[in-house]
Amino acid sequence: PGELKEAYENLVRMAERRAAGMFQKEVVLRTGNEAARMYRNR
């Protein structure tokens, strides 16, 4: 049970980071690296 809970929560966190990374790549493609830096900082 504890192992499953930890695995679930880790997979959710990884999915959220991956989704945020995909958005950041979109910012880079459409606005350049400076906009991506601004997005990371805010």
PDB file of all heavy atoms in Angstrom:
ATOM      1  N   PRO A   1       0.801  -1.237   0.000  1.00  0.00           N
ATOM      2  CA  PRO A   1       0.000   0.000   0.000  1.00  0.00           C
ATOM      3  C   PRO A   1       0.830   1.281   0.000  1.00  0.00           C
ATOM      4  O   PRO A   1       0.581   2.183  -0.824  1.00  0.00           O
ATOM      5  CB  PRO A   1      -0.847  -0.130   1.267  1.00  0.00           C
ATOM      6  CG  PRO A   1      -0.992  -1.608   1.464  1.00  0.00           C
ATOM      7  CD  PRO A   1       0.321  -2.192   1.015  1.00  0.00           C
ATOM      8  N   GLY A   2       1.811   1.372   0.899  1.00  0.00           N
ATOM      9  CA  GLY A   2       2.637   2.577   0.952  1.00  0.00           C
ATOM     10  C   GLY A   2       3.459   2.756  -0.315  1.00  0.00           C
ATOM     11  O   GLY A   2       3.674   3.878  -0.774  1.00  0.00           O
ATOM     12  N   GLU A   3       3.902   1.663  -0.878  1.00  0.00           N
ATOM     13  CA  GLU A   3       4.687   1.694  -2.111  1.00  0.00           C
ATOM     14  C   GLU A   3       3.832   2.207  -3.269  1.00  0.00           C
ATOM     15  O   GLU A   3       4.300   3.003  -4.105  1.00  0.00           O
ATOM     16  CB  GLU A   3       5.196   0.279  -2.407  1.00  0.00           C
ATOM     17  CG  GLU A   3       6.015   0.151  -3.681  1.00  0.00           C
ATOM     18  CD  GLU A   3       6.334  -1.300  -4.002  1.00  0.00           C
ATOM     19  OE1 GLU A   3       5.613  -2.200  -3.503  1.00  0.00           O
ATOM     20  OE2 GLU A   3       7.278  -1.518  -4.769  1.00  0.00           O
ATOM     21  N   LEU A   4       2.567   1.768  -3.318  1.00  0.00           N
ATOM     22  CA  LEU A   4       1.671   2.202  -4.385  1.00  0.00           C
ATOM     23  C   LEU A   4       1.372   3.688  -4.263  1.00  0.00           C
ATOM     24  O   LEU A   4       1.374   4.413  -5.265  1.00  0.00           O
ATOM     25  CB  LEU A   4       0.372   1.397  -4.335  1.00  0.00           C
ATOM     26  CG  LEU A   4      -0.683   1.732  -5.391  1.00  0.00           C
ATOM     27  CD1 LEU A   4      -0.133   1.526  -6.797  1.00  0.00           C
ATOM     28  CD2 LEU A   4      -1.944   0.896  -5.182  1.00  0.00           C
ATOM     29  N   LYS A   5       1.124   4.157  -3.060  1.00  0.00           N
ATOM     30  CA  LYS A   5       0.861   5.589  -2.842  1.00  0.00           C
ATOM     31  C   LYS A   5       2.045   6.424  -3.288  1.00  0.00           C
ATOM     32  O   LYS A   5       1.885   7.440  -3.992  1.00  0.00           O
ATOM     33  CB  LYS A   5       0.563   5.843  -1.368  1.00  0.00           C
ATOM     34  CG  LYS A   5       0.263   7.293  -1.013  1.00  0.00           C
ATOM     35  CD  LYS A   5      -0.091   7.411   0.460  1.00  0.00           C
ATOM     36  CE  LYS A   5      -0.506   8.830   0.830  1.00  0.00           C
ATOM     37  NZ  LYS A   5       0.614   9.770   0.765  1.00  0.00           N
ATOM     38  N   GLU A   6       3.248   6.008  -2.912  1.00  0.00           N
ATOM     39  CA  GLU A   6       4.444   6.745  -3.307  1.00  0.00           C
ATOM     40  C   GLU A   6       4.634   6.741  -4.818  1.00  0.00           C
ATOM     41  O   GLU A   6       4.978   7.769  -5.416  1.00  0.00           O
ATOM     42  CB  GLU A   6       5.672   6.149  -2.619  1.00  0.00           C
ATOM     43  CG  GLU A   6       6.959   6.902  -2.915  1.00  0.00           C
ATOM     44  CD  GLU A   6       8.151   6.315  -2.197  1.00  0.00           C
ATOM     45  OE1 GLU A   6       7.993   5.283  -1.501  1.00  0.00           O
ATOM     46  OE2 GLU A   6       9.257   6.889  -2.322  1.00  0.00           O
ATOM     47  N   ALA A   7       4.406   5.579  -5.446  1.00  0.00           N
ATOM     48  CA  ALA A   7       4.549   5.480  -6.895  1.00  0.00           C
ATOM     49  C   ALA A   7       3.547   6.383  -7.601  1.00  0.00           C
ATOM     50  O   ALA A   7       3.896   7.081  -8.575  1.00  0.00           O
ATOM     51  CB  ALA A   7       4.359   4.030  -7.339  1.00  0.00           C
ATOM     52  N   TYR A   8       2.310   6.385  -7.135  1.00  0.00           N
ATOM     53  CA  TYR A   8       1.264   7.236  -7.722  1.00  0.00           C
ATOM     54  C   TYR A   8       1.649   8.710  -7.616  1.00  0.00           C
ATOM     55  O   TYR A   8       1.607   9.454  -8.611  1.00  0.00           O
ATOM     56  CB  TYR A   8      -0.059   6.972  -7.012  1.00  0.00           C
ATOM     57  CG  TYR A   8      -1.164   7.941  -7.376  1.00  0.00           C
ATOM     58  CD1 TYR A   8      -1.920   7.766  -8.527  1.00  0.00           C
ATOM     59  CD2 TYR A   8      -1.433   9.053  -6.560  1.00  0.00           C
ATOM     60  CE1 TYR A   8      -2.928   8.668  -8.858  1.00  0.00           C
ATOM     61  CE2 TYR A   8      -2.434   9.947  -6.888  1.00  0.00           C
ATOM     62  CZ  TYR A   8      -3.188   9.747  -8.038  1.00  0.00           C
ATOM     63  OH  TYR A   8      -4.180  10.643  -8.363  1.00  0.00           O
ATOM     64  N   GLU A   9       2.033   9.141  -6.442  1.00  0.00           N
ATOM     65  CA  GLU A   9       2.366  10.549  -6.240  1.00  0.00           C
ATOM     66  C   GLU A   9       3.589  10.962  -7.053  1.00  0.00           C
ATOM     67  O   GLU A   9       3.635  12.074  -7.590  1.00  0.00           O
ATOM     68  CB  GLU A   9       2.585  10.812  -4.749  1.00  0.00           C
ATOM     69  CG  GLU A   9       1.296  10.680  -3.935  1.00  0.00           C
ATOM     70  CD  GLU A   9       1.515  10.787  -2.441  1.00  0.00           C
ATOM     71  OE1 GLU A   9       2.702  10.698  -2.008  1.00  0.00           O
ATOM     72  OE2 GLU A   9       0.533  10.951  -1.703  1.00  0.00           O
ATOM     73  N   ASN A  10       4.557  10.083  -7.165  1.00  0.00           N
ATOM     74  CA  ASN A  10       5.736  10.378  -7.988  1.00  0.00           C
ATOM     75  C   ASN A  10       5.374  10.514  -9.454  1.00  0.00           C
ATOM     76  O   ASN A  10       5.882  11.402 -10.154  1.00  0.00           O
ATOM     77  CB  ASN A  10       6.798   9.288  -7.810  1.00  0.00           C
ATOM     78  CG  ASN A  10       7.514   9.375  -6.473  1.00  0.00           C
ATOM     79  OD1 ASN A  10       7.522  10.429  -5.840  1.00  0.00           O
ATOM     80  ND2 ASN A  10       8.109   8.277  -6.043  1.00  0.00           N
ATOM     81  N   LEU A  11       4.508   9.628  -9.948  1.00  0.00           N
ATOM     82  CA  LEU A  11       4.096   9.689 -11.351  1.00  0.00           C
ATOM     83  C   LEU A  11       3.306  10.959 -11.638  1.00  0.00           C
ATOM     84  O   LEU A  11       3.461  11.569 -12.706  1.00  0.00           O
ATOM     85  CB  LEU A  11       3.263   8.457 -11.709  1.00  0.00           C
ATOM     86  CG  LEU A  11       4.034   7.149 -11.844  1.00  0.00           C
ATOM     87  CD1 LEU A  11       3.074   5.967 -11.988  1.00  0.00           C
ATOM     88  CD2 LEU A  11       4.997   7.194 -13.033  1.00  0.00           C
ATOM     89  N   VAL A  12       2.474  11.372 -10.692  1.00  0.00           N
ATOM     90  CA  VAL A  12       1.727  12.624 -10.864  1.00  0.00           C
ATOM     91  C   VAL A  12       2.684  13.806 -10.937  1.00  0.00           C
ATOM     92  O   VAL A  12       2.565  14.673 -11.813  1.00  0.00           O
ATOM     93  CB  VAL A  12       0.712  12.805  -9.720  1.00  0.00           C
ATOM     94  CG1 VAL A  12       0.123  14.222  -9.741  1.00  0.00           C
ATOM     95  CG2 VAL A  12      -0.410  11.777  -9.836  1.00  0.00           C
ATOM     96  N   ARG A  13       3.659  13.840 -10.023  1.00  0.00           N
ATOM     97  CA  ARG A  13       4.636  14.941 -10.043  1.00  0.00           C
ATOM     98  C   ARG A  13       5.433  14.958 -11.336  1.00  0.00           C
ATOM     99  O   ARG A  13       5.671  16.023 -11.923  1.00  0.00           O
ATOM    100  CB  ARG A  13       5.579  14.830  -8.847  1.00  0.00           C
ATOM    101  CG  ARG A  13       4.981  15.300  -7.529  1.00  0.00           C
ATOM    102  CD  ARG A  13       6.061  15.474  -6.472  1.00  0.00           C
ATOM    103  NE  ARG A  13       6.630  14.187  -6.087  1.00  0.00           N
ATOM    104  CZ  ARG A  13       6.178  13.450  -5.085  1.00  0.00           C
ATOM    105  NH1 ARG A  13       5.144  13.849  -4.376  1.00  0.00           N
ATOM    106  NH2 ARG A  13       6.769  12.305  -4.777  1.00  0.00           N
ATOM    107  N   MET A  14       5.843  13.794 -11.798  1.00  0.00           N
ATOM    108  CA  MET A  14       6.600  13.715 -13.044  1.00  0.00           C
ATOM    109  C   MET A  14       5.756  14.193 -14.221  1.00  0.00           C
ATOM    110  O   MET A  14       6.251  14.910 -15.103  1.00  0.00           O
ATOM    111  CB  MET A  14       7.064  12.276 -13.281  1.00  0.00           C
ATOM    112  CG  MET A  14       8.174  11.826 -12.343  1.00  0.00           C
ATOM    113  SD  MET A  14       8.527  10.055 -12.473  1.00  0.00           S
ATOM    114  CE  MET A  14       8.949   9.930 -14.209  1.00  0.00           C
ATOM    115  N   ALA A  15       4.481  13.818 -14.247  1.00  0.00           N
ATOM    116  CA  ALA A  15       3.597  14.244 -15.329  1.00  0.00           C
ATOM    117  C   ALA A  15       3.402  15.751 -15.317  1.00  0.00           C
ATOM    118  O   ALA A  15       3.373  16.401 -16.372  1.00  0.00           O
ATOM    119  CB  ALA A  15       2.251  13.519 -15.214  1.00  0.00           C
ATOM    120  N   GLU A  16       3.277  16.327 -14.131  1.00  0.00           N
ATOM    121  CA  GLU A  16       3.111  17.778 -14.019  1.00  0.00           C
ATOM    122  C   GLU A  16       4.371  18.506 -14.479  1.00  0.00           C
ATOM    123  O   GLU A  16       4.282  19.532 -15.181  1.00  0.00           O
ATOM    124  CB  GLU A  16       2.765  18.141 -12.580  1.00  0.00           C
ATOM    125  CG  GLU A  16       1.375  17.696 -12.167  1.00  0.00           C
ATOM    126  CD  GLU A  16       1.087  17.890 -10.696  1.00  0.00           C
ATOM    127  OE1 GLU A  16       2.062  18.059  -9.916  1.00  0.00           O
ATOM    128  OE2 GLU A  16      -0.096  17.878 -10.316  1.00  0.00           O
ATOM    129  N   ARG A  17       5.536  17.990 -14.111  1.00  0.00           N
ATOM    130  CA  ARG A  17       6.788  18.617 -14.561  1.00  0.00           C
ATOM    131  C   ARG A  17       6.931  18.513 -16.080  1.00  0.00           C
ATOM    132  O   ARG A  17       7.377  19.451 -16.744  1.00  0.00           O
ATOM    133  CB  ARG A  17       7.983  17.955 -13.881  1.00  0.00           C
ATOM    134  CG  ARG A  17       8.078  18.205 -12.383  1.00  0.00           C
ATOM    135  CD  ARG A  17       9.430  17.774 -11.850  1.00  0.00           C
ATOM    136  NE  ARG A  17       9.456  17.760 -10.390  1.00  0.00           N
ATOM    137  CZ  ARG A  17       9.442  16.659  -9.664  1.00  0.00           C
ATOM    138  NH1 ARG A  17       9.432  15.477 -10.247  1.00  0.00           N
ATOM    139  NH2 ARG A  17       9.466  16.732  -8.350  1.00  0.00           N
ATOM    140  N   ARG A  18       6.574  17.356 -16.608  1.00  0.00           N
ATOM    141  CA  ARG A  18       6.666  17.156 -18.059  1.00  0.00           C
ATOM    142  C   ARG A  18       5.730  18.112 -18.791  1.00  0.00           C
ATOM    143  O   ARG A  18       6.101  18.704 -19.806  1.00  0.00           O
ATOM    144  CB  ARG A  18       6.316  15.709 -18.387  1.00  0.00           C
ATOM    145  CG  ARG A  18       6.629  15.303 -19.836  1.00  0.00           C
ATOM    146  CD  ARG A  18       6.305  13.836 -20.068  1.00  0.00           C
ATOM    147  NE  ARG A  18       7.013  12.972 -19.147  1.00  0.00           N
ATOM    148  CZ  ARG A  18       6.423  12.219 -18.224  1.00  0.00           C
ATOM    149  NH1 ARG A  18       5.106  12.230 -18.086  1.00  0.00           N
ATOM    150  NH2 ARG A  18       7.131  11.439 -17.439  1.00  0.00           N
ATOM    151  N   ALA A  19       4.519  18.280 -18.282  1.00  0.00           N
ATOM    152  CA  ALA A  19       3.559  19.189 -18.914  1.00  0.00           C
ATOM    153  C   ALA A  19       4.054  20.627 -18.844  1.00  0.00           C
ATOM    154  O   ALA A  19       3.943  21.382 -19.817  1.00  0.00           O
ATOM    155  CB  ALA A  19       2.197  19.056 -18.236  1.00  0.00           C
ATOM    156  N   ALA A  20       4.622  21.017 -17.697  1.00  0.00           N
ATOM    157  CA  ALA A  20       5.169  22.365 -17.573  1.00  0.00           C
ATOM    158  C   ALA A  20       6.342  22.570 -18.518  1.00  0.00           C
ATOM    159  O   ALA A  20       6.509  23.631 -19.107  1.00  0.00           O
ATOM    160  CB  ALA A  20       5.598  22.626 -16.132  1.00  0.00           C
ATOM    161  N   GLY A  21       7.157  21.532 -18.697  1.00  0.00           N
ATOM    162  CA  GLY A  21       8.287  21.608 -19.619  1.00  0.00           C
ATOM    163  C   GLY A  21       7.845  21.766 -21.050  1.00  0.00           C
ATOM    164  O   GLY A  21       8.466  22.506 -21.826  1.00  0.00           O
ATOM    165  N   MET A  22       6.747  21.111 -21.418  1.00  0.00           N
ATOM    166  CA  MET A  22       6.230  21.241 -22.779  1.00  0.00           C
ATOM    167  C   MET A  22       5.753  22.657 -23.027  1.00  0.00           C
ATOM    168  O   MET A  22       5.950  23.221 -24.104  1.00  0.00           O
ATOM    169  CB  MET A  22       5.089  20.240 -23.000  1.00  0.00           C
ATOM    170  CG  MET A  22       5.553  18.796 -23.064  1.00  0.00           C
ATOM    171  SD  MET A  22       4.176  17.622 -23.217  1.00  0.00           S
ATOM    172  CE  MET A  22       3.526  18.092 -24.813  1.00  0.00           C
ATOM    173  N   PHE A  23       5.124  23.271 -22.018  1.00  0.00           N
ATOM    174  CA  PHE A  23       4.688  24.655 -22.181  1.00  0.00           C
ATOM    175  C   PHE A  23       5.887  25.583 -22.315  1.00  0.00           C
ATOM    176  O   PHE A  23       5.902  26.499 -23.133  1.00  0.00           O
ATOM    177  CB  PHE A  23       3.818  25.097 -21.009  1.00  0.00           C
ATOM    178  CG  PHE A  23       3.376  26.537 -21.137  1.00  0.00           C
ATOM    179  CD1 PHE A  23       2.331  26.876 -21.968  1.00  0.00           C
ATOM    180  CD2 PHE A  23       4.037  27.547 -20.454  1.00  0.00           C
ATOM    181  CE1 PHE A  23       1.937  28.195 -22.113  1.00  0.00           C
ATOM    182  CE2 PHE A  23       3.652  28.863 -20.591  1.00  0.00           C
ATOM    183  CZ  PHE A  23       2.600  29.188 -21.423  1.00  0.00           C
ATOM    184  N   GLN A  24       6.918  25.322 -21.527  1.00  0.00           N
ATOM    185  CA  GLN A  24       8.121  26.146 -21.611  1.00  0.00           C
ATOM    186  C   GLN A  24       8.744  26.058 -23.004  1.00  0.00           C
ATOM    187  O   GLN A  24       9.197  27.052 -23.558  1.00  0.00           O
ATOM    188  CB  GLN A  24       9.139  25.708 -20.561  1.00  0.00           C
ATOM    189  CG  GLN A  24      10.396  26.552 -20.550  1.00  0.00           C
ATOM    190  CD  GLN A  24      11.373  26.081 -19.493  1.00  0.00           C
ATOM    191  OE1 GLN A  24      10.981  25.717 -18.395  1.00  0.00           O
ATOM    192  NE2 GLN A  24      12.639  26.084 -19.843  1.00  0.00           N
ATOM    193  N   LYS A  25       8.743  24.856 -23.594  1.00  0.00           N
ATOM    194  CA  LYS A  25       9.276  24.700 -24.951  1.00  0.00           C
ATOM    195  C   LYS A  25       8.461  25.509 -25.947  1.00  0.00           C
ATOM    196  O   LYS A  25       8.994  26.086 -26.893  1.00  0.00           O
ATOM    197  CB  LYS A  25       9.265  23.228 -25.345  1.00  0.00           C
ATOM    198  CG  LYS A  25      10.316  22.393 -24.628  1.00  0.00           C
ATOM    199  CD  LYS A  25      10.249  20.936 -25.049  1.00  0.00           C
ATOM    200  CE  LYS A  25      11.286  20.103 -24.306  1.00  0.00           C
ATOM    201  NZ  LYS A  25      11.205  18.666 -24.680  1.00  0.00           N
ATOM    202  N   GLU A  26       7.143  25.567 -25.724  1.00  0.00           N
ATOM    203  CA  GLU A  26       6.293  26.366 -26.606  1.00  0.00           C
ATOM    204  C   GLU A  26       6.665  27.838 -26.511  1.00  0.00           C
ATOM    205  O   GLU A  26       6.735  28.549 -27.515  1.00  0.00           O
ATOM    206  CB  GLU A  26       4.824  26.175 -26.227  1.00  0.00           C
ATOM    207  CG  GLU A  26       3.884  27.000 -27.091  1.00  0.00           C
ATOM    208  CD  GLU A  26       2.446  26.857 -26.660  1.00  0.00           C
ATOM    209  OE1 GLU A  26       2.155  26.048 -25.765  1.00  0.00           O
ATOM    210  OE2 GLU A  26       1.608  27.569 -27.233  1.00  0.00           O
ATOM    211  N   VAL A  27       6.942  28.306 -25.291  1.00  0.00           N
ATOM    212  CA  VAL A  27       7.353  29.688 -25.104  1.00  0.00           C
ATOM    213  C   VAL A  27       8.655  29.963 -25.848  1.00  0.00           C
ATOM    214  O   VAL A  27       8.812  30.975 -26.517  1.00  0.00           O
ATOM    215  CB  VAL A  27       7.501  30.005 -23.601  1.00  0.00           C
ATOM    216  CG1 VAL A  27       8.080  31.401 -23.403  1.00  0.00           C
ATOM    217  CG2 VAL A  27       6.160  29.896 -22.898  1.00  0.00           C
ATOM    218  N   VAL A  28       9.608  29.019 -25.758  1.00  0.00           N
ATOM    219  CA  VAL A  28      10.889  29.171 -26.441  1.00  0.00           C
ATOM    220  C   VAL A  28      10.681  29.272 -27.941  1.00  0.00           C
ATOM    221  O   VAL A  28      11.231  30.146 -28.617  1.00  0.00           O
ATOM    222  CB  VAL A  28      11.828  27.994 -26.102  1.00  0.00           C
ATOM    223  CG1 VAL A  28      13.066  28.042 -26.989  1.00  0.00           C
ATOM    224  CG2 VAL A  28      12.226  28.032 -24.641  1.00  0.00           C
ATOM    225  N   LEU A  29       9.869  28.384 -28.500  1.00  0.00           N
ATOM    226  CA  LEU A  29       9.659  28.343 -29.940  1.00  0.00           C
ATOM    227  C   LEU A  29       8.993  29.610 -30.453  1.00  0.00           C
ATOM    228  O   LEU A  29       9.286  30.079 -31.550  1.00  0.00           O
ATOM    229  CB  LEU A  29       8.808  27.131 -30.312  1.00  0.00           C
ATOM    230  CG  LEU A  29       9.501  25.761 -30.180  1.00  0.00           C
ATOM    231  CD1 LEU A  29       8.494  24.636 -30.383  1.00  0.00           C
ATOM    232  CD2 LEU A  29      10.637  25.646 -31.195  1.00  0.00           C
ATOM    233  N   ARG A  30       8.093  30.180 -29.638  1.00  0.00           N
ATOM    234  CA  ARG A  30       7.283  31.291 -30.129  1.00  0.00           C
ATOM    235  C   ARG A  30       7.763  32.645 -29.666  1.00  0.00           C
ATOM    236  O   ARG A  30       7.365  33.673 -30.235  1.00  0.00           O
ATOM    237  CB  ARG A  30       5.828  31.073 -29.730  1.00  0.00           C
ATOM    238  CG  ARG A  30       5.262  29.781 -30.308  1.00  0.00           C
ATOM    239  CD  ARG A  30       3.827  29.553 -29.918  1.00  0.00           C
ATOM    240  NE  ARG A  30       2.953  30.572 -30.487  1.00  0.00           N
ATOM    241  CZ  ARG A  30       1.621  30.535 -30.377  1.00  0.00           C
ATOM    242  NH1 ARG A  30       1.049  29.543 -29.741  1.00  0.00           N
ATOM    243  NH2 ARG A  30       0.875  31.485 -30.909  1.00  0.00           N
ATOM    244  N   THR A  31       8.595  32.695 -28.632  1.00  0.00           N
ATOM    245  CA  THR A  31       9.003  34.000 -28.118  1.00  0.00           C
ATOM    246  C   THR A  31      10.492  34.110 -27.867  1.00  0.00           C
ATOM    247  O   THR A  31      10.980  35.210 -27.595  1.00  0.00           O
ATOM    248  CB  THR A  31       8.272  34.306 -26.802  1.00  0.00           C
ATOM    249  OG1 THR A  31       8.687  33.359 -25.819  1.00  0.00           O
ATOM    250  CG2 THR A  31       6.775  34.226 -26.970  1.00  0.00           C
ATOM    251  N   GLY A  32      11.225  33.011 -27.897  1.00  0.00           N
ATOM    252  CA  GLY A  32      12.655  33.073 -27.668  1.00  0.00           C
ATOM    253  C   GLY A  32      13.057  32.730 -26.251  1.00  0.00           C
ATOM    254  O   GLY A  32      12.227  32.629 -25.351  1.00  0.00           O
ATOM    255  N   ASN A  33      14.344  32.538 -26.039  1.00  0.00           N
ATOM    256  CA  ASN A  33      14.866  32.082 -24.750  1.00  0.00           C
ATOM    257  C   ASN A  33      14.623  33.071 -23.614  1.00  0.00           C
ATOM    258  O   ASN A  33      14.457  32.670 -22.466  1.00  0.00           O
ATOM    259  CB  ASN A  33      16.364  31.803 -24.867  1.00  0.00           C
ATOM    260  CG  ASN A  33      16.626  30.548 -25.670  1.00  0.00           C
ATOM    261  OD1 ASN A  33      15.870  29.588 -25.569  1.00  0.00           O
ATOM    262  ND2 ASN A  33      17.675  30.564 -26.468  1.00  0.00           N
ATOM    263  N   GLU A  34      14.642  34.360 -23.911  1.00  0.00           N
ATOM    264  CA  GLU A  34      14.428  35.354 -22.856  1.00  0.00           C
ATOM    265  C   GLU A  34      13.038  35.194 -22.246  1.00  0.00           C
ATOM    266  O   GLU A  34      12.862  35.267 -21.028  1.00  0.00           O
ATOM    267  CB  GLU A  34      14.596  36.768 -23.422  1.00  0.00           C
ATOM    268  CG  GLU A  34      14.362  37.885 -22.402  1.00  0.00           C
ATOM    269  CD  GLU A  34      15.323  37.813 -21.232  1.00  0.00           C
ATOM    270  OE1 GLU A  34      16.382  37.162 -21.353  1.00  0.00           O
ATOM    271  OE2 GLU A  34      15.010  38.418 -20.186  1.00  0.00           O
ATOM    272  N   ALA A  35      12.027  34.976 -23.109  1.00  0.00           N
ATOM    273  CA  ALA A  35      10.667  34.760 -22.603  1.00  0.00           C
ATOM    274  C   ALA A  35      10.602  33.497 -21.771  1.00  0.00           C
ATOM    275  O   ALA A  35       9.891  33.440 -20.765  1.00  0.00           O
ATOM    276  CB  ALA A  35       9.675  34.679 -23.765  1.00  0.00           C
ATOM    277  N   ALA A  36      11.331  32.474 -22.178  1.00  0.00           N
ATOM    278  CA  ALA A  36      11.350  31.226 -21.406  1.00  0.00           C
ATOM    279  C   ALA A  36      11.944  31.464 -20.024  1.00  0.00           C
ATOM    280  O   ALA A  36      11.450  30.938 -19.022  1.00  0.00           O
ATOM    281  CB  ALA A  36      12.160  30.170 -22.153  1.00  0.00           C
ATOM    282  N   ARG A  37      13.011  32.277 -19.948  1.00  0.00           N
ATOM    283  CA  ARG A  37      13.604  32.592 -18.661  1.00  0.00           C
ATOM    284  C   ARG A  37      12.607  33.349 -17.782  1.00  0.00           C
ATOM    285  O   ARG A  37      12.471  33.069 -16.584  1.00  0.00           O
ATOM    286  CB  ARG A  37      14.858  33.446 -18.858  1.00  0.00           C
ATOM    287  CG  ARG A  37      15.612  33.742 -17.560  1.00  0.00           C
ATOM    288  CD  ARG A  37      16.725  34.753 -17.782  1.00  0.00           C
ATOM    289  NE  ARG A  37      16.198  36.045 -18.207  1.00  0.00           N
ATOM    290  CZ  ARG A  37      15.635  36.924 -17.366  1.00  0.00           C
ATOM    291  NH1 ARG A  37      15.526  36.639 -16.076  1.00  0.00           N
ATOM    292  NH2 ARG A  37      15.186  38.072 -17.812  1.00  0.00           N
ATOM    293  N   MET A  38      11.884  34.278 -18.384  1.00  0.00           N
ATOM    294  CA  MET A  38      10.886  35.031 -17.636  1.00  0.00           C
ATOM    295  C   MET A  38       9.794  34.106 -17.121  1.00  0.00           C
ATOM    296  O   MET A  38       9.296  34.259 -16.002  1.00  0.00           O
ATOM    297  CB  MET A  38      10.282  36.125 -18.520  1.00  0.00           C
ATOM    298  CG  MET A  38      11.273  37.218 -18.888  1.00  0.00           C
ATOM    299  SD  MET A  38      10.671  38.297 -20.193  1.00  0.00           S
ATOM    300  CE  MET A  38       9.235  38.980 -19.404  1.00  0.00           C
ATOM    301  N   TYR A  39       9.430  33.141 -17.961  1.00  0.00           N
ATOM    302  CA  TYR A  39       8.393  32.192 -17.528  1.00  0.00           C
ATOM    303  C   TYR A  39       8.886  31.360 -16.346  1.00  0.00           C
ATOM    304  O   TYR A  39       8.166  31.147 -15.383  1.00  0.00           O
ATOM    305  CB  TYR A  39       7.998  31.281 -18.689  1.00  0.00           C
ATOM    306  CG  TYR A  39       7.035  30.190 -18.262  1.00  0.00           C
ATOM    307  CD1 TYR A  39       5.708  30.497 -17.971  1.00  0.00           C
ATOM    308  CD2 TYR A  39       7.473  28.881 -18.112  1.00  0.00           C
ATOM    309  CE1 TYR A  39       4.833  29.515 -17.555  1.00  0.00           C
ATOM    310  CE2 TYR A  39       6.596  27.890 -17.696  1.00  0.00           C
ATOM    311  CZ  TYR A  39       5.281  28.212 -17.425  1.00  0.00           C
ATOM    312  OH  TYR A  39       4.428  27.236 -17.005  1.00  0.00           O
ATOM    313  N   ARG A  40      10.126  30.901 -16.394  1.00  0.00           N
ATOM    314  CA  ARG A  40      10.664  30.092 -15.299  1.00  0.00           C
ATOM    315  C   ARG A  40      10.700  30.892 -13.999  1.00  0.00           C
ATOM    316  O   ARG A  40      10.422  30.385 -12.924  1.00  0.00           O
ATOM    317  CB  ARG A  40      12.063  29.595 -15.643  1.00  0.00           C
ATOM    318  CG  ARG A  40      12.090  28.482 -16.680  1.00  0.00           C
ATOM    319  CD  ARG A  40      13.449  27.809 -16.669  1.00  0.00           C
ATOM    320  NE  ARG A  40      14.525  28.741 -16.963  1.00  0.00           N
ATOM    321  CZ  ARG A  40      14.955  29.014 -18.184  1.00  0.00           C
ATOM    322  NH1 ARG A  40      14.397  28.422 -19.225  1.00  0.00           N
ATOM    323  NH2 ARG A  40      15.957  29.850 -18.379  1.00  0.00           N
ATOM    324  N   ASN A  41      11.075  32.168 -14.107  1.00  0.00           N
ATOM    325  CA  ASN A  41      11.204  33.001 -12.917  1.00  0.00           C
ATOM    326  C   ASN A  41       9.868  33.470 -12.369  1.00  0.00           C
ATOM    327  O   ASN A  41       9.775  33.914 -11.238  1.00  0.00           O
ATOM    328  CB  ASN A  41      12.076  34.229 -13.225  1.00  0.00           C
ATOM    329  CG  ASN A  41      13.511  33.838 -13.500  1.00  0.00           C
ATOM    330  OD1 ASN A  41      13.944  32.751 -13.136  1.00  0.00           O
ATOM    331  ND2 ASN A  41      14.241  34.724 -14.166  1.00  0.00           N
ATOM    332  N   ARG A  42       8.848  33.358 -13.161  1.00  0.00           N
ATOM    333  CA  ARG A  42       7.526  33.835 -12.754  1.00  0.00           C
ATOM    334  C   ARG A  42       6.495  32.840 -13.264  1.00  0.00           C
ATOM    335  O   ARG A  42       5.680  33.121 -14.115  1.00  0.00           O
ATOM    336  CB  ARG A  42       7.285  35.223 -13.337  1.00  0.00           C
ATOM    337  CG  ARG A  42       6.116  35.968 -12.708  1.00  0.00           C
ATOM    338  CD  ARG A  42       6.042  37.349 -13.338  1.00  0.00           C
ATOM    339  NE  ARG A  42       4.812  38.011 -12.952  1.00  0.00           N
ATOM    340  CZ  ARG A  42       4.277  38.999 -13.636  1.00  0.00           C
ATOM    341  NH1 ARG A  42       4.848  39.423 -14.733  1.00  0.00           N
ATOM    342  NH2 ARG A  42       3.164  39.566 -13.224  1.00  0.00           N
TER     343      ARG A  42
END
